[in-house]
Amino acid sequence: KWTEQEDELLREAVQRYGPHKWSLIATHVPNRTPMQCSARWVGALNPSVLKGRWTSAEDAALTETVSRYLNAVDSQGNPQPIPWNKVSKQIPQRTGAQCQARWTEALDPRIKKGKWSPSEDTILKEGVKIYGRCWIRIAEMIQGRTQVTE
């Protein structure tokens, strides 16, 4: 857990060096790695990154942008991963991680929503026996459901 003092040191270092020199920034935040500093800045402190609910305009922009990458393949015909950081450039004030989470947990049309089938209930119960409350693992067992599916 980050303290208010660490957050303030991080803010000061980012203001001084900019939001990309994480190795240098981390030298000003004791006992924190460059990766920890970057994650804290992007995920919690950066005032230019929106947090919270997505607007319908953001959802529409994300859907349109992702659709350009959905069927991308390399020269051998292998599917290419969606470049979430490129996608986020089209959604102001959202990060690549936010875009990926919004798509995979809410907007992807392959996600099943609504009432669960009896077979899904059975798989869910089995998943809880195997994985406890690790919902990401359990969701992988049920085709079309995510860890946050309603």
Protein backbone atom coordinates (compact mmCIF):
# COMPACT_ATOMS: atom_id res chain seq x y z
CA LYS A 1 0.00 0.00 0.00
CA TRP A 2 1.27 3.43 -0.94
CA THR A 3 1.44 6.15 1.69
CA GLU A 4 0.48 9.78 1.13
CA GLN A 5 4.15 10.68 1.54
CA GLU A 6 5.17 8.23 -1.21
CA ASP A 7 2.42 9.58 -3.47
CA GLU A 8 3.71 13.11 -2.92
CA LEU A 9 7.30 12.07 -3.67
CA LEU A 10 6.08 10.38 -6.84
CA ARG A 11 4.09 13.46 -7.94
CA GLU A 12 7.13 15.69 -7.36
CA ALA A 13 9.45 13.36 -9.29
CA VAL A 14 7.03 13.07 -12.22
CA GLN A 15 6.64 16.84 -12.29
CA ARG A 16 10.42 17.24 -12.27
CA TYR A 17 11.37 14.53 -14.81
CA GLY A 18 8.19 13.88 -16.79
CA PRO A 19 6.02 10.73 -16.81
CA HIS A 20 8.41 8.43 -18.68
CA LYS A 21 11.77 8.32 -16.89
CA TRP A 22 10.68 5.69 -14.37
CA SER A 23 14.16 4.50 -13.40
CA LEU A 24 15.14 8.04 -12.49
CA ILE A 25 11.80 8.75 -10.81
CA ALA A 26 12.09 5.59 -8.68
CA THR A 27 15.36 6.86 -7.19
CA HIS A 28 13.30 9.61 -5.53
CA VAL A 29 10.71 7.23 -4.05
CA PRO A 30 12.46 5.00 -1.49
CA ASN A 31 11.81 1.25 -1.70
CA ARG A 32 9.77 1.52 -4.91
CA THR A 33 10.73 0.07 -8.29
CA PRO A 34 10.36 1.86 -11.62
CA MET A 35 7.49 -0.49 -12.49
CA GLN A 36 5.70 0.24 -9.21
CA CYS A 37 6.09 3.98 -9.76
CA SER A 38 4.77 3.74 -13.31
CA ALA A 39 1.79 1.60 -12.28
CA ARG A 40 0.91 3.92 -9.40
CA TRP A 41 1.12 7.00 -11.60
CA VAL A 42 -0.91 5.58 -14.46
CA GLY A 43 -3.42 3.70 -12.32
CA ALA A 44 -4.08 6.17 -9.53
CA LEU A 45 -2.35 9.55 -9.59
CA ASN A 46 -2.16 10.82 -13.17
CA PRO A 47 -4.76 13.60 -13.30
CA SER A 48 -5.13 13.28 -17.08
CA VAL A 49 -6.44 9.69 -16.82
CA LEU A 50 -10.16 9.29 -16.22
CA LYS A 51 -11.34 6.74 -13.70
CA GLY A 52 -14.82 5.40 -13.20
CA ARG A 53 -17.78 5.00 -15.51
CA TRP A 54 -17.41 5.03 -19.26
CA THR A 55 -19.64 7.27 -21.36
CA SER A 56 -21.64 5.97 -24.31
CA ALA A 57 -19.39 8.06 -26.58
CA GLU A 58 -16.29 6.36 -25.15
CA ASP A 59 -17.91 2.94 -25.60
CA ALA A 60 -18.74 3.75 -29.22
CA ALA A 61 -15.22 5.01 -29.93
CA LEU A 62 -13.71 1.92 -28.30
CA THR A 63 -15.95 -0.44 -30.26
CA GLU A 64 -15.13 1.30 -33.54
CA THR A 65 -11.39 1.31 -32.83
CA VAL A 66 -11.23 -2.32 -31.68
CA SER A 67 -13.19 -3.44 -34.76
CA ARG A 68 -10.24 -2.31 -36.90
CA TYR A 69 -7.95 -4.78 -35.12
CA LEU A 70 -10.26 -7.77 -34.47
CA ASN A 71 -9.40 -9.76 -37.58
CA ALA A 72 -5.76 -8.71 -37.95
CA VAL A 73 -3.40 -11.53 -38.94
CA ASP A 74 0.33 -11.76 -39.58
CA SER A 75 1.93 -12.96 -42.84
CA GLN A 76 1.35 -16.60 -41.82
CA GLY A 77 -2.33 -15.98 -41.08
CA ASN A 78 -1.93 -16.07 -37.30
CA PRO A 79 -4.26 -13.81 -35.31
CA GLN A 80 -2.58 -10.70 -33.96
CA PRO A 81 -3.22 -9.37 -30.46
CA ILE A 82 -5.10 -6.11 -30.17
CA PRO A 83 -2.58 -3.29 -29.53
CA TRP A 84 -4.35 -1.77 -26.53
CA ASN A 85 -1.95 1.16 -26.16
CA LYS A 86 -2.64 2.13 -29.79
CA VAL A 87 -6.36 1.72 -29.18
CA SER A 88 -6.17 4.01 -26.15
CA LYS A 89 -4.79 6.83 -28.31
CA GLN A 90 -8.29 7.06 -29.82
CA ILE A 91 -9.98 7.22 -26.40
CA PRO A 92 -8.71 10.38 -24.69
CA GLN A 93 -7.97 10.06 -20.98
CA ARG A 94 -8.16 6.24 -20.95
CA THR A 95 -5.20 3.87 -20.71
CA GLY A 96 -4.55 0.74 -22.73
CA ALA A 97 -5.33 -1.37 -19.67
CA GLN A 98 -8.64 0.44 -19.16
CA CYS A 99 -9.57 -0.08 -22.82
CA GLN A 100 -8.70 -3.77 -22.66
CA ALA A 101 -10.71 -4.29 -19.48
CA ARG A 102 -13.74 -2.41 -20.82
CA TRP A 103 -13.71 -4.43 -24.04
CA THR A 104 -13.11 -7.86 -22.55
CA GLU A 105 -15.46 -7.43 -19.59
CA ALA A 106 -18.33 -5.43 -21.07
CA LEU A 107 -18.35 -4.60 -24.79
CA ASP A 108 -17.07 -7.69 -26.62
CA PRO A 109 -20.17 -9.07 -28.40
CA ARG A 110 -18.99 -12.63 -27.69
CA ILE A 111 -19.67 -12.13 -23.97
CA LYS A 112 -22.78 -13.91 -22.77
CA LYS A 113 -24.96 -11.75 -20.56
CA GLY A 114 -28.08 -12.50 -18.61
CA LYS A 115 -29.42 -15.73 -17.15
CA TRP A 116 -27.00 -18.58 -16.70
CA SER A 117 -27.81 -22.03 -18.08
CA PRO A 118 -27.92 -25.10 -15.80
CA SER A 119 -24.70 -26.39 -17.39
CA GLU A 120 -22.97 -23.05 -16.71
CA ASP A 121 -24.14 -23.24 -13.09
CA THR A 122 -22.63 -26.72 -12.81
CA ILE A 123 -19.32 -25.57 -14.27
CA LEU A 124 -19.34 -22.56 -11.95
CA LYS A 125 -19.80 -24.76 -8.88
CA GLU A 126 -17.02 -27.07 -10.05
CA GLY A 127 -14.77 -24.08 -10.68
CA VAL A 128 -15.32 -22.82 -7.13
CA LYS A 129 -14.38 -26.25 -5.79
CA ILE A 130 -11.17 -26.22 -7.82
CA TYR A 131 -10.13 -22.54 -7.68
CA GLY A 132 -11.95 -21.10 -4.68
CA ARG A 133 -12.73 -17.45 -5.35
CA CYS A 134 -10.27 -16.97 -8.21
CA TRP A 135 -12.93 -15.66 -10.60
CA ILE A 136 -10.56 -15.10 -13.50
CA ARG A 137 -9.67 -18.81 -13.54
CA ILE A 138 -13.30 -19.84 -13.13
CA ALA A 139 -14.41 -17.53 -15.95
CA GLU A 140 -11.90 -19.24 -18.26
CA MET A 141 -13.81 -22.49 -17.71
CA ILE A 142 -17.11 -21.04 -18.95
CA GLN A 143 -17.15 -20.09 -22.63
CA GLY A 144 -18.36 -16.53 -23.17
CA ARG A 145 -18.49 -15.51 -19.51
CA THR A 146 -16.11 -13.11 -17.82
CA GLN A 147 -15.17 -12.60 -14.20
CA VAL A 148 -17.71 -9.75 -14.06
CA THR A 149 -20.52 -11.19 -16.19
CA GLU A 150 -23.96 -10.45 -14.83
